[in-house]
Amino acid sequence: VVDLRSVKPIDTDTILASVARTGRLLAVGEAFPWGGVCSEVLARVSSEGFHLLDAPPQRLNSKDTPIPYHPNLWTAHRPTADAIVETLRGLLAD
């Protein structure tokens, strides 16, 4: 698990070292699934560390919808711990 505390500059070496150890990448974030930090992480790993991957890199972001105001909808809008575990299990099964 790599927790990117800062993204400017982004620590590509640490990310690639983690991918080299596991052969997998799941980028999780609360932003939209396009044009964000997760997209940049996937792009860098795909271009600089493709040979390290044993499975397709994946990302788990908020839903690509307008941000809801109702608390229940807002909770459903973001990635949950259960969604992360389910996605990881699928990634490890590849």
PDB file of N, CA and C in Angstrom:
ATOM      1  N   VAL A   1       0.854  -1.168   0.000  1.00  0.00           N
ATOM      2  CA  VAL A   1       0.000   0.000   0.000  1.00  0.00           C
ATOM      3  C   VAL A   1       0.895   1.224   0.000  1.00  0.00           C
ATOM      4  N   VAL A   2       0.654   2.090  -0.953  1.00  0.00           N
ATOM      5  CA  VAL A   2       1.368   3.360  -1.033  1.00  0.00           C
ATOM      6  C   VAL A   2       0.344   4.464  -0.849  1.00  0.00           C
ATOM      7  N   ASP A   3       0.533   5.288   0.162  1.00  0.00           N
ATOM      8  CA  ASP A   3      -0.344   6.416   0.426  1.00  0.00           C
ATOM      9  C   ASP A   3       0.365   7.672  -0.056  1.00  0.00           C
ATOM     10  N   LEU A   4      -0.101   8.218  -1.159  1.00  0.00           N
ATOM     11  CA  LEU A   4       0.520   9.419  -1.712  1.00  0.00           C
ATOM     12  C   LEU A   4       0.074  10.638  -0.911  1.00  0.00           C
ATOM     13  N   ARG A   5       0.894  11.051   0.028  1.00  0.00           N
ATOM     14  CA  ARG A   5       0.560  12.211   0.865  1.00  0.00           C
ATOM     15  C   ARG A   5       0.662  13.508   0.074  1.00  0.00           C
ATOM     16  N   SER A   6       1.512  13.513  -0.909  1.00  0.00           N
ATOM     17  CA  SER A   6       1.596  14.674  -1.802  1.00  0.00           C
ATOM     18  C   SER A   6       1.722  14.153  -3.228  1.00  0.00           C
ATOM     19  N   VAL A   7       1.238  14.918  -4.140  1.00  0.00           N
ATOM     20  CA  VAL A   7       1.276  14.489  -5.540  1.00  0.00           C
ATOM     21  C   VAL A   7       2.045  15.467  -6.422  1.00  0.00           C
ATOM     22  N   LYS A   8       2.611  16.478  -5.826  1.00  0.00           N
ATOM     23  CA  LYS A   8       3.423  17.433  -6.575  1.00  0.00           C
ATOM     24  C   LYS A   8       4.667  17.710  -5.787  1.00  0.00           C
ATOM     25  N   PRO A   9       5.770  17.071  -6.064  1.00  0.00           N
ATOM     26  CA  PRO A   9       5.975  16.092  -7.130  1.00  0.00           C
ATOM     27  C   PRO A   9       5.459  14.710  -6.728  1.00  0.00           C
ATOM     28  N   ILE A  10       5.053  13.956  -7.720  1.00  0.00           N
ATOM     29  CA  ILE A  10       4.552  12.608  -7.467  1.00  0.00           C
ATOM     30  C   ILE A  10       5.744  11.653  -7.351  1.00  0.00           C
ATOM     31  N   ASP A  11       5.684  10.755  -6.409  1.00  0.00           N
ATOM     32  CA  ASP A  11       6.792   9.838  -6.126  1.00  0.00           C
ATOM     33  C   ASP A  11       6.669   8.581  -6.988  1.00  0.00           C
ATOM     34  N   THR A  12       7.024   8.713  -8.236  1.00  0.00           N
ATOM     35  CA  THR A  12       6.905   7.612  -9.187  1.00  0.00           C
ATOM     36  C   THR A  12       7.782   6.430  -8.797  1.00  0.00           C
ATOM     37  N   ASP A  13       8.954   6.695  -8.249  1.00  0.00           N
ATOM     38  CA  ASP A  13       9.862   5.598  -7.877  1.00  0.00           C
ATOM     39  C   ASP A  13       9.241   4.686  -6.823  1.00  0.00           C
ATOM     40  N   THR A  14       8.590   5.268  -5.828  1.00  0.00           N
ATOM     41  CA  THR A  14       7.940   4.466  -4.791  1.00  0.00           C
ATOM     42  C   THR A  14       6.787   3.656  -5.365  1.00  0.00           C
ATOM     43  N   ILE A  15       6.017   4.264  -6.254  1.00  0.00           N
ATOM     44  CA  ILE A  15       4.903   3.563  -6.886  1.00  0.00           C
ATOM     45  C   ILE A  15       5.418   2.384  -7.708  1.00  0.00           C
ATOM     46  N   LEU A  16       6.446   2.617  -8.508  1.00  0.00           N
ATOM     47  CA  LEU A  16       7.004   1.545  -9.339  1.00  0.00           C
ATOM     48  C   LEU A  16       7.632   0.442  -8.483  1.00  0.00           C
ATOM     49  N   ALA A  17       8.245   0.806  -7.358  1.00  0.00           N
ATOM     50  CA  ALA A  17       8.816  -0.209  -6.465  1.00  0.00           C
ATOM     51  C   ALA A  17       7.715  -1.093  -5.886  1.00  0.00           C
ATOM     52  N   SER A  18       6.582  -0.501  -5.551  1.00  0.00           N
ATOM     53  CA  SER A  18       5.452  -1.281  -5.037  1.00  0.00           C
ATOM     54  C   SER A  18       4.899  -2.211  -6.106  1.00  0.00           C
ATOM     55  N   VAL A  19       4.757  -1.709  -7.322  1.00  0.00           N
ATOM     56  CA  VAL A  19       4.264  -2.533  -8.428  1.00  0.00           C
ATOM     57  C   VAL A  19       5.253  -3.665  -8.713  1.00  0.00           C
ATOM     58  N   ALA A  20       6.541  -3.391  -8.599  1.00  0.00           N
ATOM     59  CA  ALA A  20       7.544  -4.429  -8.824  1.00  0.00           C
ATOM     60  C   ALA A  20       7.425  -5.549  -7.792  1.00  0.00           C
ATOM     61  N   ARG A  21       7.074  -5.201  -6.537  1.00  0.00           N
ATOM     62  CA  ARG A  21       6.918  -6.212  -5.483  1.00  0.00           C
ATOM     63  C   ARG A  21       5.661  -7.050  -5.678  1.00  0.00           C
ATOM     64  N   THR A  22       4.576  -6.412  -6.103  1.00  0.00           N
ATOM     65  CA  THR A  22       3.288  -7.110  -6.152  1.00  0.00           C
ATOM     66  C   THR A  22       2.857  -7.540  -7.549  1.00  0.00           C
ATOM     67  N   GLY A  23       3.321  -6.836  -8.561  1.00  0.00           N
ATOM     68  CA  GLY A  23       2.886  -7.127  -9.929  1.00  0.00           C
ATOM     69  C   GLY A  23       1.477  -6.626 -10.212  1.00  0.00           C
ATOM     70  N   ARG A  24       0.917  -5.860  -9.291  1.00  0.00           N
ATOM     71  CA  ARG A  24      -0.459  -5.383  -9.417  1.00  0.00           C
ATOM     72  C   ARG A  24      -0.532  -3.895  -9.073  1.00  0.00           C
ATOM     73  N   LEU A  25      -1.610  -3.249  -9.559  1.00  0.00           N
ATOM     74  CA  LEU A  25      -1.848  -1.846  -9.230  1.00  0.00           C
ATOM     75  C   LEU A  25      -3.341  -1.598  -9.145  1.00  0.00           C
ATOM     76  N   LEU A  26      -3.769  -1.102  -8.003  1.00  0.00           N
ATOM     77  CA  LEU A  26      -5.123  -0.601  -7.822  1.00  0.00           C
ATOM     78  C   LEU A  26      -4.985   0.807  -7.268  1.00  0.00           C
ATOM     79  N   ALA A  27      -5.354   1.793  -8.054  1.00  0.00           N
ATOM     80  CA  ALA A  27      -5.311   3.191  -7.630  1.00  0.00           C
ATOM     81  C   ALA A  27      -6.703   3.576  -7.144  1.00  0.00           C
ATOM     82  N   VAL A  28      -6.802   4.028  -5.895  1.00  0.00           N
ATOM     83  CA  VAL A  28      -8.080   4.376  -5.279  1.00  0.00           C
ATOM     84  C   VAL A  28      -8.077   5.859  -4.951  1.00  0.00           C
ATOM     85  N   GLY A  29      -9.153   6.539  -5.317  1.00  0.00           N
ATOM     86  CA  GLY A  29      -9.274   7.958  -5.003  1.00  0.00           C
ATOM     87  C   GLY A  29     -10.726   8.377  -4.970  1.00  0.00           C
ATOM     88  N   GLU A  30     -10.986   9.523  -4.367  1.00  0.00           N
ATOM     89  CA  GLU A  30     -12.353  10.023  -4.263  1.00  0.00           C
ATOM     90  C   GLU A  30     -12.705  10.987  -5.383  1.00  0.00           C
ATOM     91  N   ALA A  31     -11.783  11.252  -6.274  1.00  0.00           N
ATOM     92  CA  ALA A  31     -12.045  12.166  -7.381  1.00  0.00           C
ATOM     93  C   ALA A  31     -12.782  11.429  -8.502  1.00  0.00           C
ATOM     94  N   PHE A  32     -13.152  12.172  -9.532  1.00  0.00           N
ATOM     95  CA  PHE A  32     -13.769  11.553 -10.698  1.00  0.00           C
ATOM     96  C   PHE A  32     -12.756  10.628 -11.375  1.00  0.00           C
ATOM     97  N   PRO A  33     -13.208   9.637 -12.145  1.00  0.00           N
ATOM     98  CA  PRO A  33     -12.291   8.643 -12.707  1.00  0.00           C
ATOM     99  C   PRO A  33     -11.456   9.130 -13.888  1.00  0.00           C
ATOM    100  N   TRP A  34     -11.591  10.356 -14.292  1.00  0.00           N
ATOM    101  CA  TRP A  34     -10.818  10.840 -15.438  1.00  0.00           C
ATOM    102  C   TRP A  34     -10.039  12.096 -15.035  1.00  0.00           C
ATOM    103  N   GLY A  35      -8.858  12.218 -15.594  1.00  0.00           N
ATOM    104  CA  GLY A  35      -8.080  13.437 -15.453  1.00  0.00           C
ATOM    105  C   GLY A  35      -7.588  13.754 -14.062  1.00  0.00           C
ATOM    106  N   GLY A  36      -7.436  12.781 -13.188  1.00  0.00           N
ATOM    107  CA  GLY A  36      -7.002  13.052 -11.829  1.00  0.00           C
ATOM    108  C   GLY A  36      -5.711  12.339 -11.484  1.00  0.00           C
ATOM    109  N   VAL A  37      -5.446  12.249 -10.201  1.00  0.00           N
ATOM    110  CA  VAL A  37      -4.215  11.625  -9.725  1.00  0.00           C
ATOM    111  C   VAL A  37      -4.184  10.136 -10.072  1.00  0.00           C
ATOM    112  N   CYS A  38      -5.298   9.457  -9.896  1.00  0.00           N
ATOM    113  CA  CYS A  38      -5.333   8.024 -10.240  1.00  0.00           C
ATOM    114  C   CYS A  38      -5.017   7.805 -11.717  1.00  0.00           C
ATOM    115  N   SER A  39      -5.545   8.662 -12.563  1.00  0.00           N
ATOM    116  CA  SER A  39      -5.265   8.553 -13.998  1.00  0.00           C
ATOM    117  C   SER A  39      -3.779   8.744 -14.270  1.00  0.00           C
ATOM    118  N   GLU A  40      -3.172   9.698 -13.584  1.00  0.00           N
ATOM    119  CA  GLU A  40      -1.743   9.956 -13.770  1.00  0.00           C
ATOM    120  C   GLU A  40      -0.898   8.784 -13.262  1.00  0.00           C
ATOM    121  N   VAL A  41      -1.279   8.210 -12.134  1.00  0.00           N
ATOM    122  CA  VAL A  41      -0.549   7.055 -11.602  1.00  0.00           C
ATOM    123  C   VAL A  41      -0.626   5.895 -12.598  1.00  0.00           C
ATOM    124  N   LEU A  42      -1.820   5.608 -13.106  1.00  0.00           N
ATOM    125  CA  LEU A  42      -1.957   4.530 -14.085  1.00  0.00           C
ATOM    126  C   LEU A  42      -1.158   4.817 -15.352  1.00  0.00           C
ATOM    127  N   ALA A  43      -1.174   6.061 -15.794  1.00  0.00           N
ATOM    128  CA  ALA A  43      -0.425   6.423 -16.999  1.00  0.00           C
ATOM    129  C   ALA A  43       1.075   6.228 -16.793  1.00  0.00           C
ATOM    130  N   ARG A  44       1.571   6.660 -15.647  1.00  0.00           N
ATOM    131  CA  ARG A  44       3.014   6.512 -15.395  1.00  0.00           C
ATOM    132  C   ARG A  44       3.421   5.057 -15.259  1.00  0.00           C
ATOM    133  N   VAL A  45       2.624   4.269 -14.558  1.00  0.00           N
ATOM    134  CA  VAL A  45       2.964   2.854 -14.416  1.00  0.00           C
ATOM    135  C   VAL A  45       2.857   2.156 -15.768  1.00  0.00           C
ATOM    136  N   SER A  46       1.861   2.497 -16.554  1.00  0.00           N
ATOM    137  CA  SER A  46       1.707   1.864 -17.868  1.00  0.00           C
ATOM    138  C   SER A  46       2.859   2.227 -18.804  1.00  0.00           C
ATOM    139  N   SER A  47       3.365   3.453 -18.699  1.00  0.00           N
ATOM    140  CA  SER A  47       4.430   3.861 -19.609  1.00  0.00           C
ATOM    141  C   SER A  47       5.827   3.508 -19.092  1.00  0.00           C
ATOM    142  N   GLU A  48       6.034   3.577 -17.785  1.00  0.00           N
ATOM    143  CA  GLU A  48       7.373   3.359 -17.238  1.00  0.00           C
ATOM    144  C   GLU A  48       7.557   1.986 -16.588  1.00  0.00           C
ATOM    145  N   GLY A  49       6.463   1.307 -16.239  1.00  0.00           N
ATOM    146  CA  GLY A  49       6.593   0.037 -15.535  1.00  0.00           C
ATOM    147  C   GLY A  49       5.676  -1.041 -16.048  1.00  0.00           C
ATOM    148  N   PHE A  50       5.308  -0.968 -17.325  1.00  0.00           N
ATOM    149  CA  PHE A  50       4.392  -1.959 -17.901  1.00  0.00           C
ATOM    150  C   PHE A  50       4.926  -3.374 -17.730  1.00  0.00           C
ATOM    151  N   HIS A  51       6.236  -3.525 -17.858  1.00  0.00           N
ATOM    152  CA  HIS A  51       6.859  -4.849 -17.741  1.00  0.00           C
ATOM    153  C   HIS A  51       6.757  -5.424 -16.330  1.00  0.00           C
ATOM    154  N   LEU A  52       6.426  -4.596 -15.351  1.00  0.00           N
ATOM    155  CA  LEU A  52       6.315  -5.049 -13.963  1.00  0.00           C
ATOM    156  C   LEU A  52       4.939  -5.626 -13.637  1.00  0.00           C
ATOM    157  N   LEU A  53       3.964  -5.370 -14.489  1.00  0.00           N
ATOM    158  CA  LEU A  53       2.574  -5.735 -14.209  1.00  0.00           C
ATOM    159  C   LEU A  53       2.279  -7.189 -14.572  1.00  0.00           C
ATOM    160  N   ASP A  54       1.602  -7.891 -13.668  1.00  0.00           N
ATOM    161  CA  ASP A  54       1.131  -9.254 -13.917  1.00  0.00           C
ATOM    162  C   ASP A  54      -0.360  -9.280 -14.234  1.00  0.00           C
ATOM    163  N   ALA A  55      -1.023  -8.151 -14.065  1.00  0.00           N
ATOM    164  CA  ALA A  55      -2.461  -8.021 -14.332  1.00  0.00           C
ATOM    165  C   ALA A  55      -2.713  -6.584 -14.777  1.00  0.00           C
ATOM    166  N   PRO A  56      -3.808  -6.342 -15.483  1.00  0.00           N
ATOM    167  CA  PRO A  56      -4.107  -4.974 -15.911  1.00  0.00           C
ATOM    168  C   PRO A  56      -4.264  -4.045 -14.705  1.00  0.00           C
ATOM    169  N   PRO A  57      -3.673  -2.854 -14.768  1.00  0.00           N
ATOM    170  CA  PRO A  57      -3.855  -1.914 -13.663  1.00  0.00           C
ATOM    171  C   PRO A  57      -5.307  -1.457 -13.600  1.00  0.00           C
ATOM    172  N   GLN A  58      -5.784  -1.211 -12.389  1.00  0.00           N
ATOM    173  CA  GLN A  58      -7.168  -0.803 -12.212  1.00  0.00           C
ATOM    174  C   GLN A  58      -7.229   0.421 -11.316  1.00  0.00           C
ATOM    175  N   ARG A  59      -8.351   1.135 -11.413  1.00  0.00           N
ATOM    176  CA  ARG A  59      -8.591   2.255 -10.516  1.00  0.00           C
ATOM    177  C   ARG A  59     -10.011   2.188 -10.003  1.00  0.00           C
ATOM    178  N   LEU A  60     -10.186   2.727  -8.828  1.00  0.00           N
ATOM    179  CA  LEU A  60     -11.487   2.778  -8.186  1.00  0.00           C
ATOM    180  C   LEU A  60     -11.686   4.203  -7.707  1.00  0.00           C
ATOM    181  N   ASN A  61     -12.614   4.881  -8.332  1.00  0.00           N
ATOM    182  CA  ASN A  61     -12.881   6.282  -8.020  1.00  0.00           C
ATOM    183  C   ASN A  61     -14.344   6.465  -7.672  1.00  0.00           C
ATOM    184  N   SER A  62     -14.690   7.715  -7.391  1.00  0.00           N
ATOM    185  CA  SER A  62     -16.099   8.055  -7.222  1.00  0.00           C
ATOM    186  C   SER A  62     -16.821   7.796  -8.527  1.00  0.00           C
ATOM    187  N   LYS A  63     -18.121   7.676  -8.440  1.00  0.00           N
ATOM    188  CA  LYS A  63     -18.926   7.477  -9.646  1.00  0.00           C
ATOM    189  C   LYS A  63     -18.817   8.708 -10.545  1.00  0.00           C
ATOM    190  N   ASP A  64     -18.902   8.501 -11.825  1.00  0.00           N
ATOM    191  CA  ASP A  64     -18.811   9.591 -12.795  1.00  0.00           C
ATOM    192  C   ASP A  64     -20.187  10.246 -12.946  1.00  0.00           C
ATOM    193  N   THR A  65     -20.650  10.835 -11.857  1.00  0.00           N
ATOM    194  CA  THR A  65     -21.946  11.504 -11.808  1.00  0.00           C
ATOM    195  C   THR A  65     -21.771  12.832 -11.077  1.00  0.00           C
ATOM    196  N   PRO A  66     -22.745  13.705 -11.168  1.00  0.00           N
ATOM    197  CA  PRO A  66     -22.662  14.912 -10.337  1.00  0.00           C
ATOM    198  C   PRO A  66     -22.607  14.522  -8.857  1.00  0.00           C
ATOM    199  N   ILE A  67     -21.897  15.294  -8.066  1.00  0.00           N
ATOM    200  CA  ILE A  67     -21.761  14.996  -6.641  1.00  0.00           C
ATOM    201  C   ILE A  67     -23.097  15.243  -5.954  1.00  0.00           C
ATOM    202  N   PRO A  68     -23.661  14.210  -5.322  1.00  0.00           N
ATOM    203  CA  PRO A  68     -24.968  14.365  -4.676  1.00  0.00           C
ATOM    204  C   PRO A  68     -24.854  15.092  -3.336  1.00  0.00           C
ATOM    205  N   TYR A  69     -25.942  15.738  -2.932  1.00  0.00           N
ATOM    206  CA  TYR A  69     -25.977  16.455  -1.657  1.00  0.00           C
ATOM    207  C   TYR A  69     -26.482  15.592  -0.514  1.00  0.00           C
ATOM    208  N   HIS A  70     -27.368  14.670  -0.795  1.00  0.00           N
ATOM    209  CA  HIS A  70     -27.935  13.831   0.262  1.00  0.00           C
ATOM    210  C   HIS A  70     -26.832  12.924   0.816  1.00  0.00           C
ATOM    211  N   PRO A  71     -26.701  12.830   2.152  1.00  0.00           N
ATOM    212  CA  PRO A  71     -25.626  12.026   2.751  1.00  0.00           C
ATOM    213  C   PRO A  71     -25.605  10.569   2.301  1.00  0.00           C
ATOM    214  N   ASN A  72     -26.758   9.945   2.160  1.00  0.00           N
ATOM    215  CA  ASN A  72     -26.780   8.542   1.714  1.00  0.00           C
ATOM    216  C   ASN A  72     -26.291   8.400   0.284  1.00  0.00           C
ATOM    217  N   LEU A  73     -26.696   9.318  -0.574  1.00  0.00           N
ATOM    218  CA  LEU A  73     -26.236   9.273  -1.963  1.00  0.00           C
ATOM    219  C   LEU A  73     -24.755   9.608  -2.059  1.00  0.00           C
ATOM    220  N   TRP A  74     -24.301  10.545  -1.214  1.00  0.00           N
ATOM    221  CA  TRP A  74     -22.893  10.921  -1.240  1.00  0.00           C
ATOM    222  C   TRP A  74     -22.031   9.735  -0.819  1.00  0.00           C
ATOM    223  N   THR A  75     -22.497   8.982   0.173  1.00  0.00           N
ATOM    224  CA  THR A  75     -21.766   7.793   0.606  1.00  0.00           C
ATOM    225  C   THR A  75     -21.708   6.756  -0.517  1.00  0.00           C
ATOM    226  N   ALA A  76     -22.783   6.593  -1.252  1.00  0.00           N
ATOM    227  CA  ALA A  76     -22.813   5.634  -2.360  1.00  0.00           C
ATOM    228  C   ALA A  76     -21.977   6.118  -3.551  1.00  0.00           C
ATOM    229  N   HIS A  77     -21.750   7.412  -3.611  1.00  0.00           N
ATOM    230  CA  HIS A  77     -21.003   8.026  -4.714  1.00  0.00           C
ATOM    231  C   HIS A  77     -19.501   7.724  -4.619  1.00  0.00           C
ATOM    232  N   ARG A  78     -18.981   7.612  -3.403  1.00  0.00           N
ATOM    233  CA  ARG A  78     -17.547   7.436  -3.185  1.00  0.00           C
ATOM    234  C   ARG A  78     -17.175   5.964  -3.036  1.00  0.00           C
ATOM    235  N   PRO A  79     -15.903   5.619  -3.247  1.00  0.00           N
ATOM    236  CA  PRO A  79     -15.472   4.245  -3.012  1.00  0.00           C
ATOM    237  C   PRO A  79     -15.588   3.889  -1.525  1.00  0.00           C
ATOM    238  N   THR A  80     -16.057   2.714  -1.231  1.00  0.00           N
ATOM    239  CA  THR A  80     -16.183   2.251   0.146  1.00  0.00           C
ATOM    240  C   THR A  80     -15.130   1.184   0.422  1.00  0.00           C
ATOM    241  N   ALA A  81     -14.943   0.878   1.685  1.00  0.00           N
ATOM    242  CA  ALA A  81     -14.000  -0.180   2.051  1.00  0.00           C
ATOM    243  C   ALA A  81     -14.407  -1.505   1.419  1.00  0.00           C
ATOM    244  N   ASP A  82     -15.708  -1.778   1.396  1.00  0.00           N
ATOM    245  CA  ASP A  82     -16.185  -3.027   0.781  1.00  0.00           C
ATOM    246  C   ASP A  82     -15.884  -3.060  -0.712  1.00  0.00           C
ATOM    247  N   ALA A  83     -16.063  -1.928  -1.383  1.00  0.00           N
ATOM    248  CA  ALA A  83     -15.767  -1.863  -2.820  1.00  0.00           C
ATOM    249  C   ALA A  83     -14.273  -2.060  -3.081  1.00  0.00           C
ATOM    250  N   ILE A  84     -13.438  -1.504  -2.210  1.00  0.00           N
ATOM    251  CA  ILE A  84     -11.992  -1.664  -2.360  1.00  0.00           C
ATOM    252  C   ILE A  84     -11.611  -3.131  -2.191  1.00  0.00           C
ATOM    253  N   VAL A  85     -12.146  -3.778  -1.162  1.00  0.00           N
ATOM    254  CA  VAL A  85     -11.837  -5.199  -0.922  1.00  0.00           C
ATOM    255  C   VAL A  85     -12.315  -6.048  -2.089  1.00  0.00           C
ATOM    256  N   GLU A  86     -13.514  -5.798  -2.578  1.00  0.00           N
ATOM    257  CA  GLU A  86     -14.041  -6.571  -3.712  1.00  0.00           C
ATOM    258  C   GLU A  86     -13.180  -6.393  -4.960  1.00  0.00           C
ATOM    259  N   THR A  87     -12.769  -5.168  -5.233  1.00  0.00           N
ATOM    260  CA  THR A  87     -11.930  -4.909  -6.402  1.00  0.00           C
ATOM    261  C   THR A  87     -10.558  -5.551  -6.248  1.00  0.00           C
ATOM    262  N   LEU A  88      -9.989  -5.482  -5.053  1.00  0.00           N
ATOM    263  CA  LEU A  88      -8.703  -6.120  -4.807  1.00  0.00           C
ATOM    264  C   LEU A  88      -8.767  -7.629  -4.981  1.00  0.00           C
ATOM    265  N   ARG A  89      -9.825  -8.230  -4.485  1.00  0.00           N
ATOM    266  CA  ARG A  89      -9.970  -9.688  -4.654  1.00  0.00           C
ATOM    267  C   ARG A  89     -10.042 -10.066  -6.127  1.00  0.00           C
ATOM    268  N   GLY A  90     -10.762  -9.279  -6.898  1.00  0.00           N
ATOM    269  CA  GLY A  90     -10.823  -9.524  -8.337  1.00  0.00           C
ATOM    270  C   GLY A  90      -9.470  -9.338  -9.003  1.00  0.00           C
ATOM    271  N   LEU A  91      -8.732  -8.324  -8.569  1.00  0.00           N
ATOM    272  CA  LEU A  91      -7.403  -8.049  -9.127  1.00  0.00           C
ATOM    273  C   LEU A  91      -6.421  -9.168  -8.793  1.00  0.00           C
ATOM    274  N   LEU A  92      -6.489  -9.672  -7.570  1.00  0.00           N
ATOM    275  CA  LEU A  92      -5.582 -10.752  -7.161  1.00  0.00           C
ATOM    276  C   LEU A  92      -5.948 -12.079  -7.799  1.00  0.00           C
ATOM    277  N   ALA A  93      -7.186 -12.231  -8.240  1.00  0.00           N
ATOM    278  CA  ALA A  93      -7.596 -13.472  -8.893  1.00  0.00           C
ATOM    279  C   ALA A  93      -7.070 -13.555 -10.325  1.00  0.00           C
ATOM    280  N   ASP A  94      -6.697 -12.414 -10.902  1.00  0.00           N
ATOM    281  CA  ASP A  94      -6.172 -12.415 -12.290  1.00  0.00           C
ATOM    282  C   ASP A  94      -4.837 -13.085 -12.363  1.00  0.00           C
TER     283      ASP A  94
END
